[in-house]
Structures are given as structure tokens and as C-alpha cells.
């Protein structure tokens, strides 16, 4: 393998080697050093609301069952039978008290415990040959949640999720906690694009610069109130903790007037006012910024937008959560969920879902614009000439690394982190800097887990299962 030290150094200074968007060795390094230790989103508690509910999700090639057990706890279990490695659950979602391996019939409770082993006595000599009691599907090494979002890490020594997210939780609340009841999800829609996973994550993290070019037609046909796509430059980008995003600049007005401007009904506004902190309300009401797209390292993104609906001048906001699931160095599976406040009126939910599909569903207008760019970039990055090119990702910096515009003061922007008005690639550089830090650290080699050996049982008789969360 080549020495990638120079590549990582170039990335950190904002001169990105073009080939990182389509390079097999880089992708292998990402698998080994990044996705083996970062916190990865695998679902939301609203997707498994009742005991027995489950969904199946992946972290690259690893399949996991996200299930709510009969005890009400949510667990995430490696979807592999303890016997010969067959996938225990092959449906994408459902409700089950037990999972039965289709290969040899071993069966497991929805909390992972093994309960059925055909011909246990005849084939193994009972407990003397295979210790069945206390055995369970392999749990995700680390499991944690935030506002109902379920994350896992393949690193058993991963830091607590809130420490990992850092100050980005301040912004995450705008998307996932508009009332005390939180959100509910619909989806995911899933589709594949022939593009590298990093491109979408970077784009949603802070690329306001592409809007006047890539999405000009969407604005020109009158989908939004704003007459010019260049309006994006009046907003700001922010980076805090493990994530960052973009905002729109709202017209003058009170907090209530600004929230109504983007389409929220009064009942939802009242709940926001009692749920969000004074500082969270101040970003909108005092500073006049409304959160838009954002990304959390490495591959989770959010969208908040408010297009016109029906044949009217009224707008309606929608929220979408999406994950850029890597398939290879040049292919990504996009998982896209519609998210909405649980307490929102049913009519609002229906119209908000329609707005989501129109803009960022699998056939949404924004989606089609973006994918064309990302596929072209990925294809071009595969050639030999791309290895001679360092892309300039230094927007917002002078040659001496001083910023073109100063950060907003706390009086100008009440949120944590660093925020700046106008175009810049601060967030893309921050995301890629985290990427470089992960790729620089060698992976930790883990000792394999033995299954069913009487001399080294995984769980003693009567032991509890590993806790479902931290």
C-alpha cells in the first residue's frame, strides 16, 4: 500500500487530491480505520415502536438487526447465526418474537438469546459439547442514542455518543426535537448512485456555493419565495463538534413571525418555544438564521427546507435524514428518511411529506441536480490525470490561512462552534480533517469471540444480556 501521509497532509491544508473520491486503497483504509471506530446511525426508535419490531441495517458489509425486545429495550445485534454464519434475519423489517436461521434451524429470541438448537443432545452431547445457555447473537460493540436516534460503533472503546457529537447536539435538536415527544420517521427510501460517499456528506455539510449554479432552475420556476438563488450567501455556515451545516437569513421579524415565514403553524411554534433552549430560540428569533442542511461525521446528513406546496404562495417545511452508505470507492447507497414532529397536525404531516418527496425524495428536483454532479466527479476522479491534481478547497481563506471574513460574535450568532456569513469551505475542510485524522490512526486488532465453548462461556447461567444502551 502506498504511503498516504502526503495525501492526508494535503487534505488538511485544503488542497484535496482528486483521486480520494475514487481510489480502492483509500476506500480500504476508510473501511479499516474510519468505519471501524466512528459512531454510525442505524435507525430511530420510532421505527421499532412495539416489542418485537425490528429493522435490518448495515455498516458497510456488516448486517445488524435493530430490534425492540419483549422487555421494551432496543438492541442492535450482528445478523449472523452463531453456527455457520448464515444471516438470521433476511427481511428488511417486521415484527417477531424469535429469529430462526434458515440454514440449520437455530433460533433466537428478539433480544438475541439462543433458545433453539435442533438435536442439541444428539449432535453435541448437550451442554458438555456446546454451551447453549447464556449464548446470544453478537451485540454491536457500542450502542448509544440521542433524541431517539440510534447509533452504533464497531469500536468497543468508543467515547460516549454525546462526547463524540460535541456541540453539534445544539443543532441536532432543531431537526429531532421540535416538541417533547420528538420525531417520527417514514422510510427509508433507498437508491444507489455511482458516486463516492464523501461527496454527498461534504455537500450537505456546507456547500451553499453550488446553489446558484446547480439549483438555479428550481428557484427560477418559483418553488421558493426567494427570487434569487444567490440569497444563500446571506446565510451563514457553522461547524461545532462533529458536524456543521448551513442556514438561511430570514427577513426581519419576531421569533413567531420568522417561524411562520417558513411555514410552521402556531401550535407547533408554541411547542418549539417550550422545548428549545433560550440560545436555540435566539439563533432564529434574535439572529435571524434558520438551519438548513447539515452533516455529522462521517456520513449522516439532515435537510430542512420550506418549498411552496399545491398552487399557492404558502410554503411548508420538511425535515429529512439521510445516510451515505458506502458500497465501494465509486458507489453509494443513499438511505433517506422523512422526519416530522410526532405532535404535528396530521394535515401538516401529509403536506410536509409531499414537500419532501418533491425536493429530496429519490426523484426529487434537488436530488436529480446534485447526483449528476457527483457521478461526474467520481468518474473523472478514477483517471490517471486525477492523481496529478490537487483540488482547491480553500474557499474562505487567504494564502496565509487567515479567514476572508471574521467569525460571527456571540451577539451575532447565539449557537456554539464557529459561524461565518457568506460562501466558504470551512465545513468541508473540517469534515475532511476528521477524515484524515481517522485514516492516520492504525486500526486496533480485536480478539475473536468464541461461541459455545464450555471452558469460556460468553455469558454465565443466569447472567443478563449486555445492556441495550449506555
Protein backbone atom coordinates (compact mmCIF):
# COMPACT_ATOMS: atom_id res chain seq x y z
CA UNK A 1 0.00 0.00 0.00
CA UNK A 2 1.21 3.48 -0.79
CA UNK A 3 2.22 5.91 1.94
CA UNK A 4 -0.81 8.18 2.29
CA UNK A 5 0.83 10.68 4.64
CA UNK A 6 1.22 13.30 1.91
CA UNK A 7 -2.42 12.84 0.85
CA UNK A 8 -3.63 13.48 4.39
CA UNK A 9 -1.37 16.50 4.80
CA UNK A 10 -2.70 17.99 1.56
CA UNK A 11 -6.29 17.40 2.69
CA UNK A 12 -5.67 19.23 5.97
CA UNK A 13 -4.39 22.33 4.19
CA UNK A 14 -7.38 22.43 1.87
CA UNK A 15 -5.67 21.11 -1.26
CA UNK A 16 -7.55 17.86 -1.80
CA UNK A 17 -6.01 15.13 -4.01
CA UNK A 18 -8.72 14.49 -6.61
CA UNK A 19 -8.27 10.73 -6.57
CA UNK A 20 -9.55 10.31 -2.98
CA UNK A 21 -13.06 10.30 -4.49
CA UNK A 22 -12.40 7.10 -6.45
CA UNK A 23 -9.49 5.11 -5.08
CA UNK A 24 -9.63 1.49 -3.93
CA UNK A 25 -6.75 1.76 -1.46
CA UNK A 26 -8.28 4.86 0.13
CA UNK A 27 -11.62 3.06 0.42
CA UNK A 28 -9.96 0.03 2.05
CA UNK A 29 -8.30 2.39 4.52
CA UNK A 30 -11.67 4.01 5.27
CA UNK A 31 -13.19 0.60 5.96
CA UNK A 32 -10.33 -0.40 8.25
CA UNK A 33 -9.74 2.83 10.16
CA UNK A 34 -12.81 5.05 9.88
CA UNK A 35 -15.93 2.89 9.74
CA UNK A 36 -14.43 0.52 12.30
CA UNK A 37 -14.48 3.21 15.01
CA UNK A 38 -16.84 6.11 14.14
CA UNK A 39 -20.39 6.30 15.50
CA UNK A 40 -22.83 5.21 12.77
CA UNK A 41 -26.55 5.94 12.56
CA UNK A 42 -28.65 2.76 12.18
CA UNK A 43 -32.20 3.96 12.81
CA UNK A 44 -34.65 5.73 15.06
CA UNK A 45 -36.65 4.39 17.97
CA UNK A 46 -39.89 5.29 16.18
CA UNK A 47 -39.03 2.66 13.55
CA UNK A 48 -39.34 -0.08 16.18
CA UNK A 49 -42.12 1.27 18.42
CA UNK A 50 -43.55 -2.04 19.72
CA UNK A 51 -41.96 -5.13 21.31
CA UNK A 52 -40.87 -7.45 18.53
CA UNK A 53 -40.48 -4.70 15.92
CA UNK A 54 -37.22 -4.81 14.01
CA UNK A 55 -35.37 -3.33 11.04
CA UNK A 56 -32.18 -4.60 9.41
CA UNK A 57 -29.41 -2.08 8.71
CA UNK A 58 -25.81 -2.22 7.53
CA UNK A 59 -22.47 -0.68 8.38
CA UNK A 60 -20.68 -1.35 5.10
CA UNK A 61 -20.74 -5.16 4.75
CA UNK A 62 -21.87 -5.84 8.34
CA UNK A 63 -25.59 -6.51 8.74
CA UNK A 64 -27.33 -5.69 12.02
CA UNK A 65 -30.77 -6.37 13.44
CA UNK A 66 -32.17 -3.34 15.29
CA UNK A 67 -34.90 -4.85 17.46
CA UNK A 68 -37.10 -3.91 20.39
CA UNK A 69 -37.19 -6.91 22.69
CA UNK A 70 -40.18 -8.13 24.63
CA UNK A 71 -38.69 -6.27 27.61
CA UNK A 72 -39.06 -2.97 25.69
CA UNK A 73 -35.33 -2.36 25.26
CA UNK A 74 -33.82 -1.64 21.84
CA UNK A 75 -30.80 -3.75 20.94
CA UNK A 76 -28.58 -3.93 17.88
CA UNK A 77 -27.28 -7.44 17.07
CA UNK A 78 -24.92 -8.73 14.41
CA UNK A 79 -27.10 -10.55 11.87
CA UNK A 80 -25.10 -13.79 11.78
CA UNK A 81 -26.00 -17.18 13.21
CA UNK A 82 -23.57 -18.50 15.81
CA UNK A 83 -23.37 -21.84 13.99
CA UNK A 84 -22.30 -21.48 10.35
CA UNK A 85 -22.66 -17.76 9.81
CA UNK A 86 -25.93 -17.59 7.87
CA UNK A 87 -27.91 -14.36 8.13
CA UNK A 88 -30.50 -14.97 10.81
CA UNK A 89 -32.93 -12.33 9.54
CA UNK A 90 -33.32 -11.71 5.80
CA UNK A 91 -36.38 -9.45 5.87
CA UNK A 92 -35.73 -5.69 5.99
CA UNK A 93 -38.35 -5.05 8.68
CA UNK A 94 -41.13 -6.75 10.57
CA UNK A 95 -42.26 -7.99 13.97
CA UNK A 96 -41.06 -11.24 15.51
CA UNK A 97 -40.71 -12.82 18.92
CA UNK A 98 -37.93 -15.05 17.55
CA UNK A 99 -35.49 -15.23 14.65
CA UNK A 100 -34.84 -18.65 13.09
CA UNK A 101 -31.80 -19.33 10.94
CA UNK A 102 -32.98 -20.86 7.63
CA UNK A 103 -29.82 -22.97 7.25
CA UNK A 104 -29.89 -25.36 10.23
CA UNK A 105 -32.78 -24.04 12.27
CA UNK A 106 -31.03 -22.43 15.23
CA UNK A 107 -33.43 -19.91 16.76
CA UNK A 108 -33.01 -16.80 18.86
CA UNK A 109 -35.28 -14.55 20.91
CA UNK A 110 -35.72 -10.99 19.75
CA UNK A 111 -33.27 -9.99 22.49
CA UNK A 112 -30.63 -12.19 20.85
CA UNK A 113 -30.59 -15.15 23.24
CA UNK A 114 -30.37 -18.57 21.63
CA UNK A 115 -33.41 -20.69 22.51
CA UNK A 116 -33.47 -23.44 19.91
CA UNK A 117 -30.70 -25.76 18.76
CA UNK A 118 -32.02 -28.82 16.87
CA UNK A 119 -30.70 -32.17 18.15
CA UNK A 120 -28.62 -30.45 20.81
CA UNK A 121 -28.06 -33.69 22.73
CA UNK A 122 -27.55 -35.96 19.74
CA UNK A 123 -25.31 -33.62 17.75
CA UNK A 124 -23.25 -32.03 20.51
CA UNK A 125 -23.72 -34.13 23.59
CA UNK A 126 -25.79 -31.35 25.13
CA UNK A 127 -24.20 -28.65 27.25
CA UNK A 128 -20.97 -30.64 27.50
CA UNK A 129 -20.27 -30.11 23.82
CA UNK A 130 -21.95 -26.77 23.12
CA UNK A 131 -22.91 -24.47 25.94
CA UNK A 132 -26.29 -23.18 24.78
CA UNK A 133 -27.34 -21.45 27.98
CA UNK A 134 -26.21 -17.81 28.04
CA UNK A 135 -25.33 -17.66 24.32
CA UNK A 136 -26.65 -14.76 22.27
CA UNK A 137 -26.21 -13.10 18.91
CA UNK A 138 -23.15 -10.88 18.94
CA UNK A 139 -24.21 -7.39 20.11
CA UNK A 140 -22.94 -4.23 18.45
CA UNK A 141 -19.71 -3.36 20.29
CA UNK A 142 -21.07 0.06 21.32
CA UNK A 143 -24.66 1.33 21.30
CA UNK A 144 -25.97 4.76 22.24
CA UNK A 145 -28.88 7.06 21.40
CA UNK A 146 -29.64 10.76 21.15
CA UNK A 147 -33.19 12.12 20.82
CA UNK A 148 -34.29 8.67 19.69
CA UNK A 149 -31.55 8.40 17.03
CA UNK A 150 -29.83 5.01 17.38
CA UNK A 151 -26.09 4.87 16.77
CA UNK A 152 -23.59 2.04 16.98
CA UNK A 153 -19.82 1.90 16.80
CA UNK A 154 -17.78 -1.15 15.90
CA UNK A 155 -15.25 0.05 18.47
CA UNK A 156 -15.99 -1.28 21.97
CA UNK A 157 -13.87 1.57 23.36
CA UNK A 158 -15.76 4.31 21.51
CA UNK A 159 -16.34 7.50 23.52
CA UNK A 160 -19.89 8.19 24.70
CA UNK A 161 -22.03 9.38 21.80
CA UNK A 162 -22.68 12.82 23.30
CA UNK A 163 -18.96 13.37 23.72
CA UNK A 164 -18.44 12.31 20.11
CA UNK A 165 -21.15 14.65 18.78
CA UNK A 166 -19.97 17.53 20.96
CA UNK A 167 -21.65 20.89 20.44
CA UNK A 168 -23.42 19.67 17.32
CA UNK A 169 -26.18 18.37 19.62
CA UNK A 170 -27.29 22.02 19.88
CA UNK A 171 -28.17 21.96 16.17
CA UNK A 172 -29.34 18.35 16.12
CA UNK A 173 -32.24 19.37 18.37
CA UNK A 174 -33.68 21.60 15.63
CA UNK A 175 -34.16 18.54 13.44
CA UNK A 176 -35.07 15.92 16.03
CA UNK A 177 -36.80 17.63 18.94
CA UNK A 178 -39.38 20.25 17.95
CA UNK A 179 -41.52 19.10 20.88
CA UNK A 180 -41.05 17.00 23.98
CA UNK A 181 -42.33 13.97 22.02
CA UNK A 182 -39.52 14.11 19.46
CA UNK A 183 -39.88 12.96 15.86
CA UNK A 184 -41.22 10.01 13.94
CA UNK A 185 -39.68 8.67 10.74
CA UNK A 186 -41.13 7.39 7.49
CA UNK A 187 -38.94 5.33 5.17
CA UNK A 188 -36.22 4.93 4.32
CA UNK A 189 -36.28 5.34 0.59
CA UNK A 190 -33.16 3.66 -0.79
CA UNK A 191 -31.32 4.05 -4.05
CA UNK A 192 -27.79 3.74 -5.35
CA UNK A 193 -25.68 6.31 -7.15
CA UNK A 194 -22.34 5.82 -8.89
CA UNK A 195 -20.64 8.38 -6.68
CA UNK A 196 -18.23 8.38 -3.75
CA UNK A 197 -19.90 8.64 -0.33
CA UNK A 198 -17.83 11.63 0.82
CA UNK A 199 -19.19 13.95 -1.87
CA UNK A 200 -22.75 13.97 -0.54
CA UNK A 201 -21.61 14.36 3.07
CA UNK A 202 -19.44 17.35 2.12
CA UNK A 203 -22.18 18.90 0.00
CA UNK A 204 -24.74 18.81 2.79
CA UNK A 205 -22.19 19.97 5.38
CA UNK A 206 -21.79 23.44 3.96
CA UNK A 207 -21.83 23.86 0.19
CA UNK A 208 -24.00 26.95 -0.30
CA UNK A 209 -21.77 27.93 -3.24
CA UNK A 210 -23.32 25.36 -5.62
CA UNK A 211 -26.92 26.51 -5.12
CA UNK A 212 -26.90 29.48 -7.57
CA UNK A 213 -25.48 27.22 -10.29
CA UNK A 214 -26.75 23.69 -9.72
CA UNK A 215 -30.20 24.60 -8.39
CA UNK A 216 -30.90 27.84 -10.25
CA UNK A 217 -33.79 26.30 -12.22
CA UNK A 218 -35.54 25.16 -9.03
CA UNK A 219 -35.56 28.76 -7.79
CA UNK A 220 -36.46 30.23 -11.17
CA UNK A 221 -39.62 28.13 -11.51
CA UNK A 222 -40.87 29.68 -8.27
CA UNK A 223 -40.60 26.71 -5.92
CA UNK A 224 -39.34 29.03 -3.18
CA UNK A 225 -40.22 32.51 -2.02
CA UNK A 226 -36.70 33.77 -2.61
CA UNK A 227 -36.41 35.21 -6.14
CA UNK A 228 -32.66 34.56 -6.46
CA UNK A 229 -30.56 31.52 -5.57
CA UNK A 230 -27.77 33.94 -4.58
CA UNK A 231 -29.79 34.59 -1.41
CA UNK A 232 -27.86 31.71 0.15
CA UNK A 233 -24.77 33.90 0.58
CA UNK A 234 -26.65 35.99 3.17
CA UNK A 235 -26.86 32.97 5.43
CA UNK A 236 -24.02 31.52 7.45
CA UNK A 237 -22.22 28.23 7.79
CA UNK A 238 -21.34 26.83 11.21
CA UNK A 239 -19.19 23.96 12.48
CA UNK A 240 -19.45 22.58 16.00
CA UNK A 241 -18.16 19.29 17.39
CA UNK A 242 -18.51 16.51 14.82
CA UNK A 243 -20.84 18.34 12.46
CA UNK A 244 -21.88 21.52 10.78
CA UNK A 245 -24.26 22.98 8.28
CA UNK A 246 -25.81 25.95 6.57
CA UNK A 247 -28.50 28.48 7.38
CA UNK A 248 -30.80 30.86 5.54
CA UNK A 249 -31.07 34.50 6.53
CA UNK A 250 -34.67 35.28 7.46
CA UNK A 251 -36.46 38.60 6.93
CA UNK A 252 -36.86 40.94 9.92
CA UNK A 253 -39.50 39.95 12.47
CA UNK A 254 -40.18 38.33 15.80
CA UNK A 255 -39.44 34.70 16.58
CA UNK A 256 -43.05 33.77 15.86
CA UNK A 257 -43.11 35.72 12.61
CA UNK A 258 -39.90 34.09 11.40
CA UNK A 259 -41.14 30.58 12.19
CA UNK A 260 -44.42 31.34 10.43
CA UNK A 261 -42.41 32.62 7.44
CA UNK A 262 -41.04 29.12 6.86
CA UNK A 263 -44.49 27.58 7.28
CA UNK A 264 -44.85 26.38 10.86
CA UNK A 265 -48.36 26.62 12.37
CA UNK A 266 -48.82 28.42 15.67
CA UNK A 267 -49.41 25.22 17.68
CA UNK A 268 -46.03 23.83 16.61
CA UNK A 269 -44.34 27.17 17.28
CA UNK A 270 -45.63 27.17 20.85
CA UNK A 271 -44.18 23.72 21.44
CA UNK A 272 -40.83 24.78 19.96
CA UNK A 273 -40.74 27.73 22.36
CA UNK A 274 -41.13 25.42 25.37
CA UNK A 275 -38.74 22.74 24.05
CA UNK A 276 -35.73 24.61 22.70
CA UNK A 277 -33.27 26.49 24.90
CA UNK A 278 -33.10 30.29 25.02
CA UNK A 279 -29.95 30.17 22.88
CA UNK A 280 -31.58 27.88 20.31
CA UNK A 281 -34.53 30.24 20.04
CA UNK A 282 -32.17 33.23 19.80
CA UNK A 283 -30.45 31.88 16.67
CA UNK A 284 -33.81 32.20 14.90
CA UNK A 285 -35.59 34.99 16.74
CA UNK A 286 -32.69 37.37 17.51
CA UNK A 287 -30.02 36.47 14.94
CA UNK A 288 -32.43 35.69 12.10
CA UNK A 289 -30.84 32.44 10.91
CA UNK A 290 -32.83 29.31 10.08
CA UNK A 291 -31.00 25.99 9.95
CA UNK A 292 -30.96 24.22 6.59
CA UNK A 293 -28.72 21.30 5.51
CA UNK A 294 -26.09 19.76 7.79
CA UNK A 295 -23.80 16.73 8.10
CA UNK A 296 -22.46 14.74 11.05
CA UNK A 297 -19.14 12.99 10.50
CA UNK A 298 -18.77 10.67 8.81
CA UNK A 299 -21.87 10.02 6.67
CA UNK A 300 -25.12 11.28 8.22
CA UNK A 301 -26.90 14.36 6.84
CA UNK A 302 -30.01 16.42 7.53
CA UNK A 303 -32.17 18.68 5.40
CA UNK A 304 -34.62 21.37 6.49
CA UNK A 305 -36.34 23.36 3.77
CA UNK A 306 -39.69 25.00 3.02
CA UNK A 307 -40.88 24.90 -0.61
CA UNK A 308 -44.23 26.10 -1.90
CA UNK A 309 -46.96 23.49 -1.93
CA UNK A 310 -50.03 23.00 -4.06
CA UNK A 311 -50.88 26.01 -6.24
CA UNK A 312 -50.37 28.65 -3.62
CA UNK A 313 -47.88 31.12 -2.21
CA UNK A 314 -47.83 29.21 1.06
CA UNK A 315 -44.73 27.24 1.98
CA UNK A 316 -44.42 24.18 4.15
CA UNK A 317 -41.25 22.93 5.88
CA UNK A 318 -39.96 19.38 5.79
CA UNK A 319 -37.11 17.55 7.51
CA UNK A 320 -35.16 14.69 6.00
CA UNK A 321 -32.46 12.47 7.47
CA UNK A 322 -30.15 10.69 5.08
CA UNK A 323 -27.17 8.39 5.22
CA UNK A 324 -24.46 7.95 2.60
CA UNK A 325 -23.80 4.21 2.92
CA UNK A 326 -20.58 3.27 1.09
CA UNK A 327 -20.79 0.34 -1.30
CA UNK A 328 -17.39 0.82 -2.91
CA UNK A 329 -15.00 3.61 -3.80
CA UNK A 330 -17.33 4.67 -6.62
CA UNK A 331 -20.83 3.68 -5.44
CA UNK A 332 -23.06 4.81 -2.59
CA UNK A 333 -26.40 3.62 -1.31
CA UNK A 334 -28.50 6.58 -0.19
CA UNK A 335 -30.96 5.97 2.65
CA UNK A 336 -33.43 8.82 3.01
CA UNK A 337 -36.00 9.18 5.77
CA UNK A 338 -38.80 11.73 6.14
CA UNK A 339 -38.88 13.04 9.71
CA UNK A 340 -41.64 15.03 11.37
CA UNK A 341 -42.61 16.12 14.87
CA UNK A 342 -44.81 13.47 16.50
CA UNK A 343 -47.18 16.13 17.77
CA UNK A 344 -47.60 17.91 14.41
CA UNK A 345 -51.14 18.07 12.99
CA UNK A 346 -51.95 15.22 10.60
CA UNK A 347 -52.57 17.65 7.72
CA UNK A 348 -49.14 19.18 8.31
CA UNK A 349 -47.52 15.73 8.28
CA UNK A 350 -49.16 14.84 4.96
CA UNK A 351 -48.22 18.09 3.23
CA UNK A 352 -44.72 18.08 4.70
CA UNK A 353 -44.18 14.58 3.31
CA UNK A 354 -45.31 15.77 -0.10
CA UNK A 355 -42.82 18.65 0.08
CA UNK A 356 -40.04 16.22 0.99
CA UNK A 357 -40.80 13.93 -1.95
CA UNK A 358 -40.88 16.87 -4.34
CA UNK A 359 -37.47 18.15 -3.28
CA UNK A 360 -35.29 15.39 -1.81
CA UNK A 361 -37.02 12.07 -2.35
CA UNK A 362 -35.47 9.59 -4.77
CA UNK A 363 -36.96 11.53 -7.71
CA UNK A 364 -36.83 14.97 -6.09
CA UNK A 365 -35.80 18.01 -8.11
CA UNK A 366 -32.80 18.86 -5.93
CA UNK A 367 -31.76 15.20 -5.89
CA UNK A 368 -31.54 14.96 -9.67
CA UNK A 369 -29.47 18.15 -9.91
CA UNK A 370 -26.98 17.01 -7.27
CA UNK A 371 -26.45 13.44 -8.43
CA UNK A 372 -25.46 14.49 -11.93
CA UNK A 373 -22.57 16.48 -10.45
CA UNK A 374 -21.49 13.77 -8.01
CA UNK A 375 -21.42 10.99 -10.60
CA UNK A 376 -19.35 13.13 -12.95
CA UNK A 377 -16.85 14.00 -10.22
CA UNK A 378 -16.46 10.35 -9.18
CA UNK A 379 -16.00 9.13 -12.74
CA UNK A 380 -13.35 11.75 -13.52
CA UNK A 381 -11.50 11.03 -10.25
CA UNK A 382 -10.75 7.48 -11.41
CA UNK A 383 -8.36 8.53 -14.17
CA UNK A 384 -4.60 8.85 -14.07
CA UNK A 385 -4.70 12.62 -14.50
CA UNK A 386 -6.68 12.98 -11.28
CA UNK A 387 -3.60 11.78 -9.39
CA UNK A 388 -1.75 14.86 -10.65
CA UNK A 389 -4.38 17.33 -9.45
CA UNK A 390 -4.89 18.94 -6.06
CA UNK A 391 -8.38 20.44 -5.87
CA UNK A 392 -8.54 23.87 -4.26
CA UNK A 393 -10.90 23.59 -1.28
CA UNK A 394 -9.60 26.73 0.42
CA UNK A 395 -12.60 28.98 -0.17
CA UNK A 396 -12.78 31.47 2.68
CA UNK A 397 -9.03 31.55 3.34
CA UNK A 398 -6.28 33.90 2.25
CA UNK A 399 -2.94 32.48 1.16
CA UNK A 400 -1.61 32.90 4.72
CA UNK A 401 -4.56 30.87 6.09
CA UNK A 402 -6.24 33.92 7.61
CA UNK A 403 -10.03 33.94 7.08
CA UNK A 404 -11.59 36.12 4.39
CA UNK A 405 -14.40 37.08 6.79
CA UNK A 406 -14.24 37.01 10.59
CA UNK A 407 -16.37 34.60 12.63
CA UNK A 408 -19.68 35.88 13.92
CA UNK A 409 -19.63 37.08 17.50
CA UNK A 410 -21.85 35.52 20.19
CA UNK A 411 -24.09 38.55 19.84
CA UNK A 412 -24.46 37.89 16.12
CA UNK A 413 -24.86 34.12 16.38
CA UNK A 414 -26.01 32.52 19.65
CA UNK A 415 -25.06 28.95 18.72
CA UNK A 416 -21.82 27.15 19.67
CA UNK A 417 -18.94 26.50 17.32
CA UNK A 418 -17.65 28.84 14.62
CA UNK A 419 -20.06 30.55 12.20
CA UNK A 420 -19.35 32.81 9.23
CA UNK A 421 -21.62 34.61 6.80
CA UNK A 422 -21.18 34.01 3.09
CA UNK A 423 -19.58 31.41 0.92
CA UNK A 424 -16.75 29.31 2.27
CA UNK A 425 -15.49 25.74 2.55
CA UNK A 426 -14.80 25.82 6.28
CA UNK A 427 -17.15 22.92 6.92
CA UNK A 428 -15.87 20.72 4.12
CA UNK A 429 -12.34 21.22 5.40
CA UNK A 430 -13.43 20.35 8.95
CA UNK A 431 -15.14 17.18 7.80
CA UNK A 432 -12.15 16.10 5.71
CA UNK A 433 -9.80 16.95 8.57
CA UNK A 434 -11.72 14.47 10.77
CA UNK A 435 -11.49 12.01 7.89
CA UNK A 436 -7.71 12.45 7.71
CA UNK A 437 -7.35 12.04 11.48
CA UNK A 438 -9.17 8.69 11.36
CA UNK A 439 -7.22 7.39 8.40
CA UNK A 440 -3.95 8.27 10.10
CA UNK A 441 -4.64 6.09 13.15
CA UNK A 442 -3.93 2.36 12.71
CA UNK A 443 -6.84 0.04 13.41
CA UNK A 444 -6.90 -1.98 16.64
CA UNK A 445 -6.81 -5.74 16.14
CA UNK A 446 -9.60 -7.45 18.09
CA UNK A 447 -9.56 -10.94 19.61
CA UNK A 448 -12.24 -13.15 18.03
CA UNK A 449 -15.20 -14.07 20.24
CA UNK A 450 -15.52 -17.80 20.90
CA UNK A 451 -19.04 -19.22 20.74
CA UNK A 452 -20.42 -22.04 22.87
CA UNK A 453 -17.15 -23.35 24.31
CA UNK A 454 -17.87 -24.71 27.81
CA UNK A 455 -14.45 -23.60 29.07
CA UNK A 456 -15.02 -19.98 28.02
CA UNK A 457 -18.75 -19.15 28.07
CA UNK A 458 -19.87 -15.81 26.73
CA UNK A 459 -22.49 -15.46 29.47
CA UNK A 460 -22.72 -17.46 32.66
CA UNK A 461 -26.00 -19.12 33.56
CA UNK A 462 -28.43 -16.51 34.75
CA UNK A 463 -26.32 -13.58 33.54
CA UNK A 464 -28.15 -10.67 31.99
CA UNK A 465 -27.67 -9.71 28.39
CA UNK A 466 -25.40 -6.75 27.67
CA UNK A 467 -27.25 -3.51 28.29
CA UNK A 468 -29.23 -2.17 25.36
CA UNK A 469 -27.62 1.24 25.64
CA UNK A 470 -25.14 3.23 27.66
